[in-house]
Amino acid sequence: YGKTWHVWSTDRGDRLPFGEPMLAWSFNRDGEAR
């Protein structure tokens, strides 16, 4: 199991770490990934 926190959404173009930490999860079914 993993406990994951993301703190910077560079994937969305944020050039600084904005907002609260985000608890991340895992993909557990086919098709969940965009």
Full PDB file with SEQRES, HELIX, SHEET, SSBOND, CRYST1, ORIGX, SCALE, CONECT and MASTER records, all heavy atoms in Angstrom:
SEQRES   1 A   34  TYR GLY LYS THR TRP HIS VAL TRP SER THR ASP ARG GLY          
SEQRES   2 A   34  ASP ARG LEU PRO PHE GLY GLU PRO MET LEU ALA TRP SER          
SEQRES   3 A   34  PHE ASN ARG ASP GLY GLU ALA ARG                              
HELIX    1 AA1 THR A   10  ARG A   12  5                                   3    
SHEET    1 AA1 2 TRP A   5  HIS A   6  0                                        
SHEET    2 AA1 2 MET A  22  LEU A  23 -1                                        
CRYST1    1.000    1.000    1.000  90.00  90.00  90.00 P 1           1          
ORIGX1      1.000000  0.000000  0.000000        0.00000                         
ORIGX2      0.000000  1.000000  0.000000        0.00000                         
ORIGX3      0.000000  0.000000  1.000000        0.00000                         
SCALE1      1.000000  0.000000  0.000000        0.00000                         
SCALE2      0.000000  1.000000  0.000000        0.00000                         
SCALE3      0.000000  0.000000  1.000000        0.00000                         
ATOM      1  N   TYR A   1       0.843  -1.199   0.000  1.00  0.00           N  
ATOM      2  CA  TYR A   1       0.000   0.000   0.000  1.00  0.00           C  
ATOM      3  C   TYR A   1       0.875   1.244   0.000  1.00  0.00           C  
ATOM      4  O   TYR A   1       2.008   1.223   0.490  1.00  0.00           O  
ATOM      5  CB  TYR A   1      -0.900   0.026   1.238  1.00  0.00           C  
ATOM      6  CG  TYR A   1      -1.977  -1.028   1.249  1.00  0.00           C  
ATOM      7  CD1 TYR A   1      -1.692  -2.331   1.658  1.00  0.00           C  
ATOM      8  CD2 TYR A   1      -3.281  -0.743   0.860  1.00  0.00           C  
ATOM      9  CE1 TYR A   1      -2.684  -3.315   1.674  1.00  0.00           C  
ATOM     10  CE2 TYR A   1      -4.272  -1.705   0.871  1.00  0.00           C  
ATOM     11  CZ  TYR A   1      -3.968  -2.996   1.287  1.00  0.00           C  
ATOM     12  OH  TYR A   1      -4.944  -3.955   1.291  1.00  0.00           O  
ATOM     13  N   GLY A   2       0.335   2.353  -0.537  1.00  0.00           N  
ATOM     14  CA  GLY A   2       1.064   3.612  -0.561  1.00  0.00           C  
ATOM     15  C   GLY A   2       0.232   4.751   0.008  1.00  0.00           C  
ATOM     16  O   GLY A   2      -0.990   4.802  -0.171  1.00  0.00           O  
ATOM     17  N   LYS A   3       0.910   5.633   0.726  1.00  0.00           N  
ATOM     18  CA  LYS A   3       0.287   6.872   1.198  1.00  0.00           C  
ATOM     19  C   LYS A   3       0.995   8.019   0.489  1.00  0.00           C  
ATOM     20  O   LYS A   3       2.190   8.240   0.690  1.00  0.00           O  
ATOM     21  CB  LYS A   3       0.440   7.015   2.711  1.00  0.00           C  
ATOM     22  CG  LYS A   3      -0.260   8.239   3.295  1.00  0.00           C  
ATOM     23  CD  LYS A   3      -0.118   8.256   4.816  1.00  0.00           C  
ATOM     24  CE  LYS A   3      -0.903   9.388   5.446  1.00  0.00           C  
ATOM     25  NZ  LYS A   3      -0.787   9.363   6.936  1.00  0.00           N  
ATOM     26  N   THR A   4       0.252   8.718  -0.370  1.00  0.00           N  
ATOM     27  CA  THR A   4       0.857   9.677  -1.288  1.00  0.00           C  
ATOM     28  C   THR A   4       0.189  11.037  -1.179  1.00  0.00           C  
ATOM     29  O   THR A   4      -1.039  11.149  -1.204  1.00  0.00           O  
ATOM     30  CB  THR A   4       0.723   9.174  -2.738  1.00  0.00           C  
ATOM     31  OG1 THR A   4       1.356   7.903  -2.853  1.00  0.00           O  
ATOM     32  CG2 THR A   4       1.363  10.148  -3.715  1.00  0.00           C  
ATOM     33  N   TRP A   5       1.031  12.069  -1.099  1.00  0.00           N  
ATOM     34  CA  TRP A   5       0.549  13.447  -1.129  1.00  0.00           C  
ATOM     35  C   TRP A   5       1.251  14.185  -2.259  1.00  0.00           C  
ATOM     36  O   TRP A   5       2.475  14.192  -2.339  1.00  0.00           O  
ATOM     37  CB  TRP A   5       0.836  14.152   0.194  1.00  0.00           C  
ATOM     38  CG  TRP A   5       0.100  13.582   1.356  1.00  0.00           C  
ATOM     39  CD1 TRP A   5       0.565  12.660   2.257  1.00  0.00           C  
ATOM     40  CD2 TRP A   5      -1.244  13.882   1.755  1.00  0.00           C  
ATOM     41  NE1 TRP A   5      -0.402  12.362   3.183  1.00  0.00           N  
ATOM     42  CE2 TRP A   5      -1.531  13.104   2.901  1.00  0.00           C  
ATOM     43  CE3 TRP A   5      -2.240  14.733   1.251  1.00  0.00           C  
ATOM     44  CZ2 TRP A   5      -2.756  13.148   3.548  1.00  0.00           C  
ATOM     45  CZ3 TRP A   5      -3.467  14.770   1.906  1.00  0.00           C  
ATOM     46  CH2 TRP A   5      -3.717  13.997   3.035  1.00  0.00           C  
ATOM     47  N   HIS A   6       0.454  14.778  -3.139  1.00  0.00           N  
ATOM     48  CA  HIS A   6       0.998  15.662  -4.166  1.00  0.00           C  
ATOM     49  C   HIS A   6       0.788  17.109  -3.724  1.00  0.00           C  
ATOM     50  O   HIS A   6      -0.284  17.465  -3.217  1.00  0.00           O  
ATOM     51  CB  HIS A   6       0.313  15.417  -5.512  1.00  0.00           C  
ATOM     52  CG  HIS A   6       0.877  14.269  -6.268  1.00  0.00           C  
ATOM     53  ND1 HIS A   6       2.017  14.372  -7.034  1.00  0.00           N  
ATOM     54  CD2 HIS A   6       0.472  12.967  -6.372  1.00  0.00           C  
ATOM     55  CE1 HIS A   6       2.285  13.194  -7.589  1.00  0.00           C  
ATOM     56  NE2 HIS A   6       1.372  12.333  -7.199  1.00  0.00           N  
ATOM     57  N   VAL A   7       1.818  17.920  -3.911  1.00  0.00           N  
ATOM     58  CA  VAL A   7       1.761  19.307  -3.442  1.00  0.00           C  
ATOM     59  C   VAL A   7       1.941  20.328  -4.562  1.00  0.00           C  
ATOM     60  O   VAL A   7       1.888  21.526  -4.311  1.00  0.00           O  
ATOM     61  CB  VAL A   7       2.831  19.549  -2.343  1.00  0.00           C  
ATOM     62  CG1 VAL A   7       2.532  18.705  -1.120  1.00  0.00           C  
ATOM     63  CG2 VAL A   7       4.237  19.254  -2.861  1.00  0.00           C  
ATOM     64  N   TRP A   8       2.153  19.839  -5.801  1.00  0.00           N  
ATOM     65  CA  TRP A   8       2.422  20.784  -6.895  1.00  0.00           C  
ATOM     66  C   TRP A   8       1.867  20.203  -8.190  1.00  0.00           C  
ATOM     67  O   TRP A   8       2.307  19.149  -8.646  1.00  0.00           O  
ATOM     68  CB  TRP A   8       3.930  21.018  -7.013  1.00  0.00           C  
ATOM     69  CG  TRP A   8       4.318  22.146  -7.927  1.00  0.00           C  
ATOM     70  CD1 TRP A   8       3.514  22.918  -8.705  1.00  0.00           C  
ATOM     71  CD2 TRP A   8       5.656  22.619  -8.157  1.00  0.00           C  
ATOM     72  NE1 TRP A   8       4.242  23.840  -9.407  1.00  0.00           N  
ATOM     73  CE2 TRP A   8       5.556  23.684  -9.077  1.00  0.00           C  
ATOM     74  CE3 TRP A   8       6.912  22.238  -7.673  1.00  0.00           C  
ATOM     75  CZ2 TRP A   8       6.676  24.364  -9.540  1.00  0.00           C  
ATOM     76  CZ3 TRP A   8       8.019  22.922  -8.122  1.00  0.00           C  
ATOM     77  CH2 TRP A   8       7.906  23.976  -9.039  1.00  0.00           C  
ATOM     78  N   SER A   9       0.910  20.904  -8.789  1.00  0.00           N  
ATOM     79  CA  SER A   9       0.275  20.449 -10.027  1.00  0.00           C  
ATOM     80  C   SER A   9       0.994  21.037 -11.234  1.00  0.00           C  
ATOM     81  O   SER A   9       0.443  21.848 -11.994  1.00  0.00           O  
ATOM     82  CB  SER A   9      -1.210  20.833 -10.038  1.00  0.00           C  
ATOM     83  OG  SER A   9      -1.902  20.201  -8.996  1.00  0.00           O  
ATOM     84  N   THR A  10       2.213  20.617 -11.451  1.00  0.00           N  
ATOM     85  CA  THR A  10       2.948  21.098 -12.629  1.00  0.00           C  
ATOM     86  C   THR A  10       2.284  20.614 -13.906  1.00  0.00           C  
ATOM     87  O   THR A  10       2.439  21.238 -14.961  1.00  0.00           O  
ATOM     88  CB  THR A  10       4.412  20.630 -12.591  1.00  0.00           C  
ATOM     89  OG1 THR A  10       4.460  19.201 -12.614  1.00  0.00           O  
ATOM     90  CG2 THR A  10       5.121  21.146 -11.350  1.00  0.00           C  
ATOM     91  N   ASP A  11       1.546  19.512 -13.837  1.00  0.00           N  
ATOM     92  CA  ASP A  11       0.848  18.999 -15.011  1.00  0.00           C  
ATOM     93  C   ASP A  11      -0.202  19.972 -15.518  1.00  0.00           C  
ATOM     94  O   ASP A  11      -0.582  19.933 -16.685  1.00  0.00           O  
ATOM     95  CB  ASP A  11       0.189  17.650 -14.681  1.00  0.00           C  
ATOM     96  CG  ASP A  11      -0.867  17.781 -13.594  1.00  0.00           C  
ATOM     97  OD1 ASP A  11      -0.540  18.306 -12.509  1.00  0.00           O  
ATOM     98  OD2 ASP A  11      -2.011  17.355 -13.834  1.00  0.00           O  
ATOM     99  N   ARG A  12      -0.673  20.859 -14.655  1.00  0.00           N  
ATOM    100  CA  ARG A  12      -1.678  21.849 -15.032  1.00  0.00           C  
ATOM    101  C   ARG A  12      -1.064  23.218 -15.305  1.00  0.00           C  
ATOM    102  O   ARG A  12      -1.772  24.210 -15.447  1.00  0.00           O  
ATOM    103  CB  ARG A  12      -2.751  21.944 -13.946  1.00  0.00           C  
ATOM    104  CG  ARG A  12      -3.576  20.668 -13.839  1.00  0.00           C  
ATOM    105  CD  ARG A  12      -4.766  20.832 -12.922  1.00  0.00           C  
ATOM    106  NE  ARG A  12      -5.695  19.717 -13.090  1.00  0.00           N  
ATOM    107  CZ  ARG A  12      -6.840  19.571 -12.438  1.00  0.00           C  
ATOM    108  NH1 ARG A  12      -7.207  20.498 -11.551  1.00  0.00           N  
ATOM    109  NH2 ARG A  12      -7.618  18.536 -12.653  1.00  0.00           N  
ATOM    110  N   GLY A  13       0.271  23.252 -15.322  1.00  0.00           N  
ATOM    111  CA  GLY A  13       0.948  24.480 -15.673  1.00  0.00           C  
ATOM    112  C   GLY A  13       1.261  25.395 -14.509  1.00  0.00           C  
ATOM    113  O   GLY A  13       1.778  26.508 -14.721  1.00  0.00           O  
ATOM    114  N   ASP A  14       0.997  24.965 -13.266  1.00  0.00           N  
ATOM    115  CA  ASP A  14       1.301  25.812 -12.112  1.00  0.00           C  
ATOM    116  C   ASP A  14       2.810  25.988 -11.986  1.00  0.00           C  
ATOM    117  O   ASP A  14       3.551  25.007 -11.901  1.00  0.00           O  
ATOM    118  CB  ASP A  14       0.764  25.178 -10.823  1.00  0.00           C  
ATOM    119  CG  ASP A  14      -0.752  25.173 -10.749  1.00  0.00           C  
ATOM    120  OD1 ASP A  14      -1.380  25.795 -11.630  1.00  0.00           O  
ATOM    121  OD2 ASP A  14      -1.290  24.553  -9.818  1.00  0.00           O  
ATOM    122  N   ARG A  15       3.262  27.212 -11.922  1.00  0.00           N  
ATOM    123  CA  ARG A  15       4.696  27.478 -11.840  1.00  0.00           C  
ATOM    124  C   ARG A  15       5.186  27.628 -10.406  1.00  0.00           C  
ATOM    125  O   ARG A  15       6.368  27.848 -10.162  1.00  0.00           O  
ATOM    126  CB  ARG A  15       5.037  28.714 -12.675  1.00  0.00           C  
ATOM    127  CG  ARG A  15       4.766  28.489 -14.177  1.00  0.00           C  
ATOM    128  CD  ARG A  15       5.208  29.661 -15.004  1.00  0.00           C  
ATOM    129  NE  ARG A  15       6.653  29.856 -14.957  1.00  0.00           N  
ATOM    130  CZ  ARG A  15       7.262  30.935 -15.443  1.00  0.00           C  
ATOM    131  NH1 ARG A  15       6.545  31.898 -15.995  1.00  0.00           N  
ATOM    132  NH2 ARG A  15       8.578  31.045 -15.370  1.00  0.00           N  
ATOM    133  N   LEU A  16       4.269  27.494  -9.455  1.00  0.00           N  
ATOM    134  CA  LEU A  16       4.593  27.413  -8.032  1.00  0.00           C  
ATOM    135  C   LEU A  16       3.630  26.413  -7.387  1.00  0.00           C  
ATOM    136  O   LEU A  16       2.550  26.147  -7.940  1.00  0.00           O  
ATOM    137  CB  LEU A  16       4.450  28.780  -7.362  1.00  0.00           C  
ATOM    138  CG  LEU A  16       5.505  29.845  -7.700  1.00  0.00           C  
ATOM    139  CD1 LEU A  16       5.125  31.182  -7.074  1.00  0.00           C  
ATOM    140  CD2 LEU A  16       6.892  29.415  -7.234  1.00  0.00           C  
ATOM    141  N   PRO A  17       3.982  25.851  -6.225  1.00  0.00           N  
ATOM    142  CA  PRO A  17       3.077  24.907  -5.549  1.00  0.00           C  
ATOM    143  C   PRO A  17       1.915  25.651  -4.894  1.00  0.00           C  
ATOM    144  O   PRO A  17       2.086  26.305  -3.869  1.00  0.00           O  
ATOM    145  CB  PRO A  17       3.976  24.238  -4.495  1.00  0.00           C  
ATOM    146  CG  PRO A  17       5.376  24.576  -4.874  1.00  0.00           C  
ATOM    147  CD  PRO A  17       5.303  25.902  -5.554  1.00  0.00           C  
ATOM    148  N   PHE A  18       0.738  25.570  -5.501  1.00  0.00           N  
ATOM    149  CA  PHE A  18      -0.438  26.278  -4.995  1.00  0.00           C  
ATOM    150  C   PHE A  18      -1.367  25.320  -4.256  1.00  0.00           C  
ATOM    151  O   PHE A  18      -1.448  24.131  -4.561  1.00  0.00           O  
ATOM    152  CB  PHE A  18      -1.228  26.911  -6.150  1.00  0.00           C  
ATOM    153  CG  PHE A  18      -0.483  27.983  -6.892  1.00  0.00           C  
ATOM    154  CD1 PHE A  18      -0.484  28.004  -8.282  1.00  0.00           C  
ATOM    155  CD2 PHE A  18       0.208  28.966  -6.210  1.00  0.00           C  
ATOM    156  CE1 PHE A  18       0.192  28.994  -8.982  1.00  0.00           C  
ATOM    157  CE2 PHE A  18       0.888  29.965  -6.898  1.00  0.00           C  
ATOM    158  CZ  PHE A  18       0.881  29.973  -8.282  1.00  0.00           C  
ATOM    159  N   GLY A  19      -2.115  25.856  -3.296  1.00  0.00           N  
ATOM    160  CA  GLY A  19      -3.193  25.116  -2.666  1.00  0.00           C  
ATOM    161  C   GLY A  19      -2.754  24.117  -1.621  1.00  0.00           C  
ATOM    162  O   GLY A  19      -1.586  24.035  -1.240  1.00  0.00           O  
ATOM    163  N   GLU A  20      -3.729  23.326  -1.175  1.00  0.00           N  
ATOM    164  CA  GLU A  20      -3.502  22.340  -0.138  1.00  0.00           C  
ATOM    165  C   GLU A  20      -2.888  21.064  -0.734  1.00  0.00           C  
ATOM    166  O   GLU A  20      -3.070  20.773  -1.920  1.00  0.00           O  
ATOM    167  CB  GLU A  20      -4.825  21.985   0.553  1.00  0.00           C  
ATOM    168  CG  GLU A  20      -5.458  23.155   1.288  1.00  0.00           C  
ATOM    169  CD  GLU A  20      -6.746  22.761   1.981  1.00  0.00           C  
ATOM    170  OE1 GLU A  20      -7.197  21.602   1.796  1.00  0.00           O  
ATOM    171  OE2 GLU A  20      -7.298  23.603   2.708  1.00  0.00           O  
ATOM    172  N   PRO A  21      -2.196  20.284   0.084  1.00  0.00           N  
ATOM    173  CA  PRO A  21      -1.723  18.970  -0.386  1.00  0.00           C  
ATOM    174  C   PRO A  21      -2.899  18.115  -0.830  1.00  0.00           C  
ATOM    175  O   PRO A  21      -3.991  18.188  -0.258  1.00  0.00           O  
ATOM    176  CB  PRO A  21      -1.030  18.379   0.847  1.00  0.00           C  
ATOM    177  CG  PRO A  21      -0.695  19.552   1.700  1.00  0.00           C  
ATOM    178  CD  PRO A  21      -1.782  20.556   1.469  1.00  0.00           C  
ATOM    179  N   MET A  22      -2.678  17.316  -1.864  1.00  0.00           N  
ATOM    180  CA  MET A  22      -3.735  16.461  -2.415  1.00  0.00           C  
ATOM    181  C   MET A  22      -3.403  14.998  -2.135  1.00  0.00           C  
ATOM    182  O   MET A  22      -2.327  14.516  -2.499  1.00  0.00           O  
ATOM    183  CB  MET A  22      -3.854  16.684  -3.925  1.00  0.00           C  
ATOM    184  CG  MET A  22      -4.208  18.102  -4.325  1.00  0.00           C  
ATOM    185  SD  MET A  22      -4.080  18.351  -6.129  1.00  0.00           S  
ATOM    186  CE  MET A  22      -2.287  18.296  -6.321  1.00  0.00           C  
ATOM    187  N   LEU A  23      -4.320  14.298  -1.488  1.00  0.00           N  
ATOM    188  CA  LEU A  23      -4.156  12.865  -1.288  1.00  0.00           C  
ATOM    189  C   LEU A  23      -4.349  12.168  -2.628  1.00  0.00           C  
ATOM    190  O   LEU A  23      -5.344  12.387  -3.314  1.00  0.00           O  
ATOM    191  CB  LEU A  23      -5.173  12.348  -0.280  1.00  0.00           C  
ATOM    192  CG  LEU A  23      -5.104  10.853   0.026  1.00  0.00           C  
ATOM    193  CD1 LEU A  23      -3.801  10.499   0.737  1.00  0.00           C  
ATOM    194  CD2 LEU A  23      -6.311  10.417   0.858  1.00  0.00           C  
ATOM    195  N   ALA A  24      -3.384  11.365  -3.015  1.00  0.00           N  
ATOM    196  CA  ALA A  24      -3.453  10.658  -4.297  1.00  0.00           C  
ATOM    197  C   ALA A  24      -3.899   9.218  -4.084  1.00  0.00           C  
ATOM    198  O   ALA A  24      -3.782   8.657  -2.996  1.00  0.00           O  
ATOM    199  CB  ALA A  24      -2.099  10.698  -4.992  1.00  0.00           C  
ATOM    200  N   TRP A  25      -4.387   8.615  -5.158  1.00  0.00           N  
ATOM    201  CA  TRP A  25      -4.875   7.237  -5.110  1.00  0.00           C  
ATOM    202  C   TRP A  25      -4.215   6.451  -6.233  1.00  0.00           C  
ATOM    203  O   TRP A  25      -3.262   6.918  -6.869  1.00  0.00           O  
ATOM    204  CB  TRP A  25      -6.395   7.203  -5.217  1.00  0.00           C  
ATOM    205  CG  TRP A  25      -7.004   6.054  -4.465  1.00  0.00           C  
ATOM    206  CD1 TRP A  25      -7.635   4.966  -4.987  1.00  0.00           C  
ATOM    207  CD2 TRP A  25      -7.030   5.891  -3.050  1.00  0.00           C  
ATOM    208  NE1 TRP A  25      -8.060   4.123  -3.977  1.00  0.00           N  
ATOM    209  CE2 TRP A  25      -7.691   4.668  -2.772  1.00  0.00           C  
ATOM    210  CE3 TRP A  25      -6.542   6.649  -1.976  1.00  0.00           C  
ATOM    211  CZ2 TRP A  25      -7.881   4.195  -1.482  1.00  0.00           C  
ATOM    212  CZ3 TRP A  25      -6.735   6.178  -0.688  1.00  0.00           C  
ATOM    213  CH2 TRP A  25      -7.398   4.962  -0.455  1.00  0.00           C  
ATOM    214  N   SER A  26      -4.727   5.263  -6.497  1.00  0.00           N  
ATOM    215  CA  SER A  26      -4.184   4.394  -7.542  1.00  0.00           C  
ATOM    216  C   SER A  26      -5.289   4.028  -8.521  1.00  0.00           C  
ATOM    217  O   SER A  26      -6.472   4.086  -8.201  1.00  0.00           O  
ATOM    218  CB  SER A  26      -3.597   3.116  -6.922  1.00  0.00           C  
ATOM    219  OG  SER A  26      -4.549   2.471  -6.079  1.00  0.00           O  
ATOM    220  N   PHE A  27      -4.878   3.636  -9.736  1.00  0.00           N  
ATOM    221  CA  PHE A  27      -5.823   3.098 -10.707  1.00  0.00           C  
ATOM    222  C   PHE A  27      -6.044   1.616 -10.399  1.00  0.00           C  
ATOM    223  O   PHE A  27      -5.090   0.855 -10.270  1.00  0.00           O  
ATOM    224  CB  PHE A  27      -5.282   3.252 -12.122  1.00  0.00           C  
ATOM    225  CG  PHE A  27      -5.206   4.680 -12.596  1.00  0.00           C  
ATOM    226  CD1 PHE A  27      -4.058   5.170 -13.195  1.00  0.00           C  
ATOM    227  CD2 PHE A  27      -6.294   5.528 -12.458  1.00  0.00           C  
ATOM    228  CE1 PHE A  27      -3.977   6.482 -13.636  1.00  0.00           C  
ATOM    229  CE2 PHE A  27      -6.236   6.846 -12.896  1.00  0.00           C  
ATOM    230  CZ  PHE A  27      -5.080   7.322 -13.486  1.00  0.00           C  
ATOM    231  N   ASN A  28      -7.326   1.220 -10.310  1.00  0.00           N  
ATOM    232  CA  ASN A  28      -7.651  -0.157  -9.948  1.00  0.00           C  
ATOM    233  C   ASN A  28      -8.585  -0.852 -10.931  1.00  0.00           C  
ATOM    234  O   ASN A  28      -8.955  -2.005 -10.725  1.00  0.00           O  
ATOM    235  CB  ASN A  28      -8.263  -0.178  -8.541  1.00  0.00           C  
ATOM    236  CG  ASN A  28      -7.261   0.193  -7.472  1.00  0.00           C  
ATOM    237  OD1 ASN A  28      -6.386  -0.584  -7.138  1.00  0.00           O  
ATOM    238  ND2 ASN A  28      -7.376   1.413  -6.955  1.00  0.00           N  
ATOM    239  N   ARG A  29      -8.937  -0.149 -12.012  1.00  0.00           N  
ATOM    240  CA  ARG A  29      -9.752  -0.728 -13.071  1.00  0.00           C  
ATOM    241  C   ARG A  29      -9.217  -0.234 -14.405  1.00  0.00           C  
ATOM    242  O   ARG A  29      -8.718   0.898 -14.514  1.00  0.00           O  
ATOM    243  CB  ARG A  29     -11.236  -0.342 -12.914  1.00  0.00           C  
ATOM    244  CG  ARG A  29     -11.911  -0.957 -11.696  1.00  0.00           C  
ATOM    245  CD  ARG A  29     -13.286  -0.368 -11.452  1.00  0.00           C  
ATOM    246  NE  ARG A  29     -14.226  -0.658 -12.522  1.00  0.00           N  
ATOM    247  CZ  ARG A  29     -14.953  -1.769 -12.598  1.00  0.00           C  
ATOM    248  NH1 ARG A  29     -14.834  -2.715 -11.672  1.00  0.00           N  
ATOM    249  NH2 ARG A  29     -15.801  -1.938 -13.598  1.00  0.00           N  
ATOM    250  N   ASP A  30      -9.311  -1.064 -15.425  1.00  0.00           N  
ATOM    251  CA  ASP A  30      -8.942  -0.632 -16.763  1.00  0.00           C  
ATOM    252  C   ASP A  30      -9.868   0.497 -17.195  1.00  0.00           C  
ATOM    253  O   ASP A  30     -11.079   0.456 -16.956  1.00  0.00           O  
ATOM    254  CB  ASP A  30      -9.061  -1.800 -17.754  1.00  0.00           C  
ATOM    255  CG  ASP A  30      -7.919  -2.793 -17.631  1.00  0.00           C  
ATOM    256  OD1 ASP A  30      -6.799  -2.364 -17.275  1.00  0.00           O  
ATOM    257  OD2 ASP A  30      -8.133  -3.988 -17.879  1.00  0.00           O  
ATOM    258  N   GLY A  31      -9.300   1.501 -17.840  1.00  0.00           N  
ATOM    259  CA  GLY A  31     -10.082   2.622 -18.330  1.00  0.00           C  
ATOM    260  C   GLY A  31     -10.139   3.798 -17.383  1.00  0.00           C  
ATOM    261  O   GLY A  31     -10.658   4.863 -17.753  1.00  0.00           O  
ATOM    262  N   GLU A  32      -9.602   3.663 -16.145  1.00  0.00           N  
ATOM    263  CA  GLU A  32      -9.638   4.797 -15.221  1.00  0.00           C  
ATOM    264  C   GLU A  32      -8.662   5.902 -15.635  1.00  0.00           C  
ATOM    265  O   GLU A  32      -8.926   7.084 -15.410  1.00  0.00           O  
ATOM    266  CB  GLU A  32      -9.343   4.329 -13.799  1.00  0.00           C  
ATOM    267  CG  GLU A  32     -10.477   3.515 -13.194  1.00  0.00           C  
ATOM    268  CD  GLU A  32     -10.237   3.137 -11.748  1.00  0.00           C  
ATOM    269  OE1 GLU A  32      -9.077   3.206 -11.293  1.00  0.00           O  
ATOM    270  OE2 GLU A  32     -11.208   2.742 -11.077  1.00  0.00           O  
ATOM    271  N   ALA A  33      -7.542   5.522 -16.215  1.00  0.00           N  
ATOM    272  CA  ALA A  33      -6.593   6.533 -16.698  1.00  0.00           C  
ATOM    273  C   ALA A  33      -7.195   7.252 -17.897  1.00  0.00           C  
ATOM    274  O   ALA A  33      -7.785   6.630 -18.786  1.00  0.00           O  
ATOM    275  CB  ALA A  33      -5.280   5.867 -17.091  1.00  0.00           C  
ATOM    276  N   ARG A  34      -7.054   8.563 -17.913  1.00  0.00           N  
ATOM    277  CA  ARG A  34      -7.619   9.323 -19.025  1.00  0.00           C  
ATOM    278  C   ARG A  34      -6.922   8.927 -20.329  1.00  0.00           C  
ATOM    279  O   ARG A  34      -5.737   8.565 -20.330  1.00  0.00           O  
ATOM    280  CB  ARG A  34      -7.492  10.827 -18.782  1.00  0.00           C  
ATOM    281  CG  ARG A  34      -6.085  11.377 -18.830  1.00  0.00           C  
ATOM    282  CD  ARG A  34      -6.090  12.909 -18.754  1.00  0.00           C  
ATOM    283  NE  ARG A  34      -4.752  13.438 -18.885  1.00  0.00           N  
ATOM    284  CZ  ARG A  34      -3.946  13.700 -17.878  1.00  0.00           C  
ATOM    285  NH1 ARG A  34      -4.347  13.468 -16.640  1.00  0.00           N  
ATOM    286  NH2 ARG A  34      -2.734  14.180 -18.099  1.00  0.00           N  
TER     287      ARG A  34                                                      
MASTER        0    0    0    1    2    0    0    6  286    1    0    3          
END                                                                             
